[in-house]
Amino acid sequence: MAALLPAAFSALDALGLFATGLGMFSFAQHNFIDNKTPGTTLRFQVGLNGAGPRGQPLSGADGQAPAVHLYNDLGDWLGSSKNSRVYCPSGETCDVRVGGALQQVPYTVFEANDDGVCLAYITVSWHDGTQYAWTGNYARYCNHPWYYSDIYVKNNKVPDDGTIDSKLACGWMDGNGDSKTRGMQVYWPAFGAGFSEHGGHKDFYCTTPWVLNFREDVSPQSVLTRSYYEDMNSKRSVLPAGETPANASAPATPENEPRSNRMALDTRLIKSKSKAHTASGLCESESSMGPTLVSYAERKVCHMQYKTLYSFCEDVKTGECWDDVKHAIVHKGAKGVVKRAANPAVKFEKVIHWG
């Protein structure tokens, strides 16, 4: 039986929020772990793994599930999965269990490992049967690192006639800096159907860090509770210059810290027939990252190394275009002569087909 657990909430659907990537999703029971033992269990659905050295896909070790740190409403630590190594293949689920937490654990802090993962959803099951879900659509909507996924979860606000595709986006998380998101904090009750404190504001989840906080500090483990945030907010005038309640509780990532270029050099190629996977949407987003995407529904390609949009060569008379047989950007002359484009060619090592 399906569990109607919203990854967002119907109160905001009137504002058109579901059209921007969020919505009311129905998670079936198989999306959760049947938690019959004391503790908290989490299921991670991976949309995509990060690239390995020199842009190669990861091999031998898939993306690793984030470490999980659990806290109660007071901010008391209740348990962690810090020493648990759980590997998650692209498109698959992996499970993490933290025993010993015999009370509800409203706050979870996720600490990313060095192998990047793009998470389509996370579900949590408490020992008392309470269940919640988060989706990667929040990363996209809140302008944090994201990519598409081939993971489908029924969206109650989307018709079943195929005119709109409700496949989830996924949110990147990587401990070594390939993605600026090194972790995340979630206040689970805010992702339940009965939560109404958002007040109808569609940006509530993007601007309320005790509810949802995409962490950029190295090895995030501390929690920002509601009471601490509101206390800091009331004392905003005494915070050091440049600090806000959202970042005052955690060390900032040094501005001069080197960032890896792995994501831009990813040699995988995603070919998708999904209407939800538009090349233009990927290229136009400042926060998207991941492999080059071929969109057959749109007949365009987002070349992610340069974040440049190209049409299929069959659809243009002249100029640079995408050759879907050669898997390359080429230049089409006035007489139909095709030659190599000015941009350096990327040799795609692996082609992944999404439906």
Protein backbone atom coordinates (compact mmCIF):
# COMPACT_ATOMS: atom_id res chain seq x y z
CA MET A 1 0.00 0.00 0.00
CA ALA A 2 1.36 3.39 -0.94
CA ALA A 3 2.35 5.75 1.82
CA LEU A 4 1.18 9.24 0.88
CA LEU A 5 4.18 11.02 2.28
CA PRO A 6 4.74 14.38 0.62
CA ALA A 7 8.24 15.41 -0.32
CA ALA A 8 6.76 18.88 -0.42
CA PHE A 9 3.24 19.96 0.55
CA SER A 10 -0.11 20.72 -1.05
CA ALA A 11 -0.44 24.15 0.61
CA LEU A 12 2.14 25.55 -1.78
CA ASP A 13 0.88 23.86 -4.92
CA ALA A 14 -1.46 26.80 -5.42
CA LEU A 15 1.66 28.92 -5.91
CA GLY A 16 2.78 26.66 -8.73
CA LEU A 17 5.62 25.18 -6.75
CA PHE A 18 5.12 21.71 -8.20
CA ALA A 19 5.73 23.15 -11.66
CA THR A 20 9.21 24.24 -10.61
CA GLY A 21 10.26 20.77 -9.58
CA LEU A 22 8.60 20.12 -6.22
CA GLY A 23 5.25 18.48 -5.73
CA MET A 24 3.17 16.02 -3.75
CA PHE A 25 4.84 12.66 -4.19
CA SER A 26 3.44 9.25 -3.25
CA PHE A 27 6.16 7.03 -1.89
CA ALA A 28 5.27 3.35 -1.93
CA GLN A 29 6.22 1.22 1.05
CA HIS A 30 9.12 -0.34 -0.86
CA ASN A 31 10.75 3.12 -0.83
CA PHE A 32 11.19 2.71 2.93
CA ILE A 33 12.87 0.18 5.18
CA ASP A 34 10.53 -1.89 7.32
CA ASN A 35 11.98 -0.82 10.65
CA LYS A 36 11.04 -3.40 13.28
CA THR A 37 14.08 -2.96 15.50
CA PRO A 38 15.06 -0.09 17.83
CA GLY A 39 16.82 2.70 16.01
CA THR A 40 16.48 4.77 12.86
CA THR A 41 16.81 3.48 9.31
CA LEU A 42 17.39 5.50 6.15
CA ARG A 43 17.15 4.54 2.50
CA PHE A 44 19.16 6.46 -0.09
CA GLN A 45 18.12 6.39 -3.75
CA VAL A 46 21.12 7.32 -5.87
CA GLY A 47 20.39 8.97 -9.19
CA LEU A 48 24.00 9.18 -10.31
CA ASN A 49 27.49 8.73 -8.94
CA GLY A 50 30.28 11.23 -9.31
CA ALA A 51 33.13 10.95 -11.77
CA GLY A 52 36.45 9.37 -10.87
CA PRO A 53 39.95 10.66 -11.65
CA ARG A 54 40.38 12.29 -15.10
CA GLY A 55 36.61 12.28 -15.53
CA GLN A 56 36.30 8.48 -15.65
CA PRO A 57 33.25 6.84 -14.06
CA LEU A 58 33.86 5.39 -10.62
CA SER A 59 34.93 1.75 -10.74
CA GLY A 60 35.45 -0.78 -8.00
CA ALA A 61 33.86 1.48 -5.42
CA ASP A 62 30.51 3.09 -6.13
CA GLY A 63 29.46 6.32 -4.50
CA GLN A 64 29.41 6.00 -0.74
CA ALA A 65 26.34 6.81 1.35
CA PRO A 66 26.78 9.87 3.55
CA ALA A 67 27.52 9.42 7.23
CA VAL A 68 24.40 10.03 9.31
CA HIS A 69 24.29 12.01 12.58
CA LEU A 70 21.05 12.03 14.59
CA TYR A 71 19.86 14.68 17.06
CA ASN A 72 16.75 15.31 19.13
CA ASP A 73 14.81 18.59 19.35
CA LEU A 74 17.24 19.95 21.95
CA GLY A 75 20.23 19.29 19.73
CA ASP A 76 21.43 16.34 21.81
CA TRP A 77 23.40 13.81 19.76
CA LEU A 78 21.69 10.40 19.69
CA GLY A 79 23.84 8.35 17.33
CA SER A 80 25.86 8.20 14.11
CA SER A 81 26.76 5.85 11.30
CA LYS A 82 30.19 7.47 11.05
CA ASN A 83 32.17 4.25 10.78
CA SER A 84 29.71 2.50 8.47
CA ARG A 85 30.80 2.16 4.83
CA VAL A 86 27.80 1.62 2.57
CA TYR A 87 28.34 1.83 -1.19
CA CYS A 88 25.57 2.90 -3.54
CA PRO A 89 25.57 2.07 -7.27
CA SER A 90 24.04 4.59 -9.68
CA GLY A 91 20.28 4.07 -9.95
CA GLU A 92 20.15 1.78 -6.91
CA THR A 93 19.14 2.13 -3.27
CA CYS A 94 21.31 1.57 -0.24
CA ASP A 95 20.33 1.44 3.41
CA VAL A 96 21.84 2.76 6.62
CA ARG A 97 20.71 1.89 10.13
CA VAL A 98 21.65 3.73 13.32
CA GLY A 99 20.75 1.72 16.40
CA GLY A 100 20.28 2.92 19.93
CA ALA A 101 18.17 6.00 19.19
CA LEU A 102 15.03 4.99 21.10
CA GLN A 103 13.36 8.38 20.82
CA GLN A 104 12.27 10.38 17.80
CA VAL A 105 15.18 12.00 15.98
CA PRO A 106 13.80 15.07 14.18
CA TYR A 107 17.20 16.37 13.06
CA THR A 108 19.55 14.47 10.75
CA VAL A 109 22.89 15.81 9.55
CA PHE A 110 24.34 14.05 6.50
CA GLU A 111 28.12 14.17 6.12
CA ALA A 112 29.28 13.36 2.59
CA ASN A 113 32.18 11.05 1.83
CA ASP A 114 34.78 11.61 -0.88
CA ASP A 115 32.95 9.60 -3.55
CA GLY A 116 30.26 11.96 -4.76
CA VAL A 117 26.64 10.84 -5.00
CA CYS A 118 23.62 12.56 -6.49
CA LEU A 119 20.65 11.62 -4.31
CA ALA A 120 17.18 11.41 -5.86
CA TYR A 121 15.49 10.81 -2.52
CA ILE A 122 16.12 9.91 1.10
CA THR A 123 13.49 8.21 3.24
CA VAL A 124 13.65 7.75 6.99
CA SER A 125 11.81 5.28 9.23
CA TRP A 126 11.75 5.74 12.99
CA HIS A 127 11.32 2.87 15.41
CA ASP A 128 7.73 3.99 16.20
CA GLY A 129 6.65 3.65 12.55
CA THR A 130 6.89 7.34 11.63
CA GLN A 131 8.20 7.90 8.09
CA TYR A 132 9.31 10.93 6.08
CA ALA A 133 10.87 11.59 2.68
CA TRP A 134 13.11 14.20 1.05
CA THR A 135 13.70 14.53 -2.70
CA GLY A 136 16.55 15.93 -4.75
CA ASN A 137 14.13 18.42 -6.28
CA TYR A 138 14.88 20.66 -3.31
CA ALA A 139 18.51 20.94 -4.42
CA ARG A 140 17.44 22.11 -7.86
CA TYR A 141 14.77 24.48 -6.63
CA CYS A 142 17.03 26.01 -3.97
CA ASN A 143 19.88 26.47 -6.48
CA HIS A 144 22.30 23.93 -5.02
CA PRO A 145 24.29 21.39 -7.07
CA TRP A 146 21.89 19.05 -8.88
CA TYR A 147 21.41 16.86 -11.94
CA TYR A 148 18.59 14.84 -13.47
CA SER A 149 17.87 11.27 -12.45
CA ASP A 150 16.04 8.38 -14.10
CA ILE A 151 14.16 7.74 -10.84
CA TYR A 152 10.38 7.91 -11.03
CA VAL A 153 8.15 8.56 -8.03
CA LYS A 154 4.46 9.23 -8.62
CA ASN A 155 3.58 12.90 -8.36
CA ASN A 156 -0.04 13.42 -7.33
CA LYS A 157 -0.11 16.80 -9.08
CA VAL A 158 1.06 15.44 -12.43
CA PRO A 159 -1.36 13.73 -14.86
CA ASP A 160 -0.71 10.13 -15.83
CA ASP A 161 -1.25 10.80 -19.54
CA GLY A 162 2.45 11.23 -20.24
CA THR A 163 2.26 14.96 -20.99
CA ILE A 164 4.44 15.74 -17.98
CA ASP A 165 7.24 13.53 -16.69
CA SER A 166 7.68 13.43 -12.92
CA LYS A 167 11.12 11.89 -12.67
CA LEU A 168 13.07 13.34 -9.78
CA ALA A 169 16.07 15.61 -9.86
CA CYS A 170 18.96 14.56 -7.65
CA GLY A 171 21.08 16.65 -5.29
CA TRP A 172 24.88 16.30 -5.29
CA MET A 173 26.81 15.68 -2.10
CA ASP A 174 30.59 15.24 -2.06
CA GLY A 175 33.06 15.50 0.80
CA ASN A 176 36.14 16.38 -1.25
CA GLY A 177 34.83 19.58 -2.78
CA ASP A 178 33.84 18.42 -6.28
CA SER A 179 30.41 19.68 -5.30
CA LYS A 180 30.15 22.66 -2.97
CA THR A 181 27.54 20.71 -0.99
CA ARG A 182 29.50 18.63 1.53
CA GLY A 183 26.50 17.61 3.59
CA MET A 184 22.96 18.50 4.50
CA GLN A 185 20.75 19.02 7.54
CA VAL A 186 17.09 18.00 7.47
CA TYR A 187 14.37 18.62 10.06
CA TRP A 188 12.11 15.70 9.20
CA PRO A 189 8.76 16.87 10.68
CA ALA A 190 8.84 19.81 8.24
CA PHE A 191 8.53 17.29 5.41
CA GLY A 192 5.27 15.83 6.70
CA ALA A 193 1.75 16.54 5.47
CA GLY A 194 0.70 18.18 8.73
CA PHE A 195 3.49 20.77 8.81
CA SER A 196 2.04 24.24 8.20
CA GLU A 197 4.64 26.65 9.54
CA HIS A 198 5.83 27.48 6.03
CA GLY A 199 2.99 30.02 5.99
CA GLY A 200 2.41 29.61 2.27
CA HIS A 201 5.85 30.94 1.33
CA LYS A 202 7.28 28.85 -1.48
CA ASP A 203 10.89 29.68 -0.58
CA PHE A 204 10.53 28.62 3.06
CA TYR A 205 12.62 25.48 2.63
CA CYS A 206 15.38 27.36 0.81
CA THR A 207 15.68 30.11 3.41
CA THR A 208 15.10 28.37 6.75
CA PRO A 209 18.37 26.62 7.65
CA TRP A 210 17.11 24.75 10.70
CA VAL A 211 14.62 23.00 8.38
CA LEU A 212 16.83 22.37 5.34
CA ASN A 213 20.49 23.34 5.20
CA PHE A 214 22.82 22.43 2.35
CA ARG A 215 26.11 22.43 4.20
CA GLU A 216 29.34 23.71 2.65
CA ASP A 217 31.57 23.37 5.72
CA VAL A 218 34.15 20.58 5.80
CA SER A 219 32.94 17.37 7.51
CA PRO A 220 29.63 18.79 8.77
CA GLN A 221 28.47 17.09 11.95
CA SER A 222 27.02 19.86 14.14
CA VAL A 223 23.32 20.63 14.11
CA LEU A 224 21.56 23.99 13.88
CA THR A 225 18.41 23.66 15.99
CA ARG A 226 15.38 25.86 15.70
CA SER A 227 15.84 27.33 19.17
CA TYR A 228 19.49 28.18 18.50
CA TYR A 229 18.66 29.70 15.11
CA GLU A 230 15.85 31.84 16.53
CA ASP A 231 18.06 32.93 19.42
CA MET A 232 20.84 33.90 17.03
CA ASN A 233 18.32 35.66 14.81
CA SER A 234 17.15 37.77 17.73
CA LYS A 235 20.78 38.73 18.40
CA ARG A 236 21.63 39.44 14.77
CA SER A 237 23.10 42.84 15.65
CA VAL A 238 25.89 41.27 17.73
CA LEU A 239 27.06 38.79 15.08
CA PRO A 240 30.45 39.47 13.50
CA ALA A 241 30.35 41.30 10.19
CA GLY A 242 29.39 39.00 7.34
CA GLU A 243 27.88 36.28 9.52
CA THR A 244 24.23 35.29 9.63
CA PRO A 245 22.43 32.80 11.86
CA ALA A 246 22.62 30.35 8.96
CA ASN A 247 26.40 30.21 8.94
CA ALA A 248 27.41 31.38 12.40
CA SER A 249 27.28 27.87 13.85
CA ALA A 250 29.64 26.21 11.39
CA PRO A 251 33.07 27.03 9.97
CA ALA A 252 32.99 28.33 6.43
CA THR A 253 34.77 26.65 3.56
CA PRO A 254 37.97 28.62 2.84
CA GLU A 255 37.56 30.78 -0.24
CA ASN A 256 40.91 29.71 -1.63
CA GLU A 257 40.30 25.98 -1.21
CA PRO A 258 41.03 24.26 -4.53
CA ARG A 259 38.06 22.75 -6.32
CA SER A 260 38.37 19.61 -8.41
CA ASN A 261 37.44 19.80 -12.08
CA ARG A 262 36.23 16.20 -12.17
CA MET A 263 32.60 17.07 -12.82
CA ALA A 264 33.41 19.25 -15.84
CA LEU A 265 35.64 16.51 -17.29
CA ASP A 266 33.09 13.72 -16.85
CA THR A 267 33.41 11.41 -19.87
CA ARG A 268 30.00 9.80 -19.44
CA LEU A 269 27.22 10.74 -21.84
CA ILE A 270 23.57 10.61 -20.77
CA LYS A 271 21.05 10.02 -23.57
CA SER A 272 17.49 10.55 -22.38
CA LYS A 273 14.04 10.27 -23.95
CA SER A 274 12.36 11.73 -20.87
CA LYS A 275 10.40 14.96 -21.27
CA ALA A 276 11.63 15.97 -17.83
CA HIS A 277 15.27 15.92 -18.94
CA THR A 278 15.67 19.05 -21.04
CA ALA A 279 19.13 20.05 -22.20
CA SER A 280 18.12 23.71 -22.03
CA GLY A 281 17.07 23.38 -18.38
CA LEU A 282 20.41 21.83 -17.52
CA CYS A 283 22.49 24.43 -19.36
CA GLU A 284 20.49 27.40 -18.10
CA SER A 285 20.89 26.42 -14.45
CA GLU A 286 23.88 27.92 -12.62
CA SER A 287 23.91 25.07 -10.12
CA SER A 288 23.60 22.02 -12.39
CA MET A 289 26.62 19.74 -12.66
CA GLY A 290 27.30 16.30 -14.08
CA PRO A 291 27.66 14.57 -17.46
CA THR A 292 26.77 15.96 -20.88
CA LEU A 293 23.10 15.33 -21.67
CA VAL A 294 21.42 14.46 -24.96
CA SER A 295 17.69 15.28 -24.83
CA TYR A 296 15.72 13.47 -27.54
CA ALA A 297 12.46 15.12 -26.49
CA GLU A 298 14.04 18.53 -27.06
CA ARG A 299 16.53 17.45 -29.76
CA LYS A 300 19.27 19.41 -28.07
CA VAL A 301 22.46 18.69 -26.16
CA CYS A 302 23.86 20.41 -23.09
CA HIS A 303 27.64 20.05 -23.37
CA MET A 304 28.54 20.28 -19.69
CA GLN A 305 32.27 20.93 -20.08
CA TYR A 306 31.39 24.39 -21.42
CA LYS A 307 27.70 24.45 -20.40
CA THR A 308 26.80 25.19 -23.99
CA LEU A 309 23.56 24.24 -25.72
CA TYR A 310 23.66 22.68 -29.20
CA SER A 311 20.96 21.51 -31.61
CA PHE A 312 21.12 18.26 -33.54
CA CYS A 313 22.92 18.72 -36.87
CA GLU A 314 19.81 17.56 -38.75
CA ASP A 315 17.96 20.58 -37.35
CA VAL A 316 20.38 23.36 -38.38
CA LYS A 317 21.62 24.61 -41.75
CA THR A 318 24.99 25.92 -40.60
CA GLY A 319 27.09 26.32 -37.48
CA GLU A 320 28.21 24.13 -34.63
CA CYS A 321 25.87 21.27 -33.84
CA TRP A 322 25.65 17.82 -32.26
CA ASP A 323 26.42 14.71 -34.28
CA ASP A 324 24.54 11.98 -32.43
CA VAL A 325 26.37 9.20 -34.25
CA LYS A 326 29.89 10.50 -33.70
CA HIS A 327 29.00 11.79 -30.21
CA ALA A 328 30.77 15.01 -31.02
CA ILE A 329 30.27 18.72 -31.61
CA VAL A 330 30.95 19.43 -35.29
CA HIS A 331 30.77 22.46 -37.59
CA LYS A 332 28.27 22.31 -40.44
CA GLY A 333 29.13 24.49 -43.41
CA ALA A 334 26.83 26.23 -45.87
CA LYS A 335 27.15 23.34 -48.33
CA GLY A 336 26.53 20.74 -45.68
CA VAL A 337 30.21 19.95 -45.23
CA VAL A 338 30.87 18.82 -41.68
CA LYS A 339 34.22 19.38 -40.00
CA ARG A 340 35.56 19.37 -36.50
CA ALA A 341 34.30 22.17 -34.28
CA ALA A 342 36.57 24.77 -32.70
CA ASN A 343 36.03 23.41 -29.20
CA PRO A 344 38.27 20.48 -28.22
CA ALA A 345 36.56 17.14 -28.63
CA VAL A 346 35.57 15.14 -25.57
CA LYS A 347 35.92 11.39 -25.92
CA PHE A 348 32.90 9.92 -24.17
CA GLU A 349 33.88 6.63 -22.56
CA LYS A 350 30.43 5.46 -21.50
CA VAL A 351 26.95 6.09 -22.89
CA ILE A 352 24.05 5.78 -20.43
CA HIS A 353 20.50 5.51 -21.80
CA TRP A 354 17.56 6.83 -19.78
CA GLY A 355 13.96 6.22 -20.78
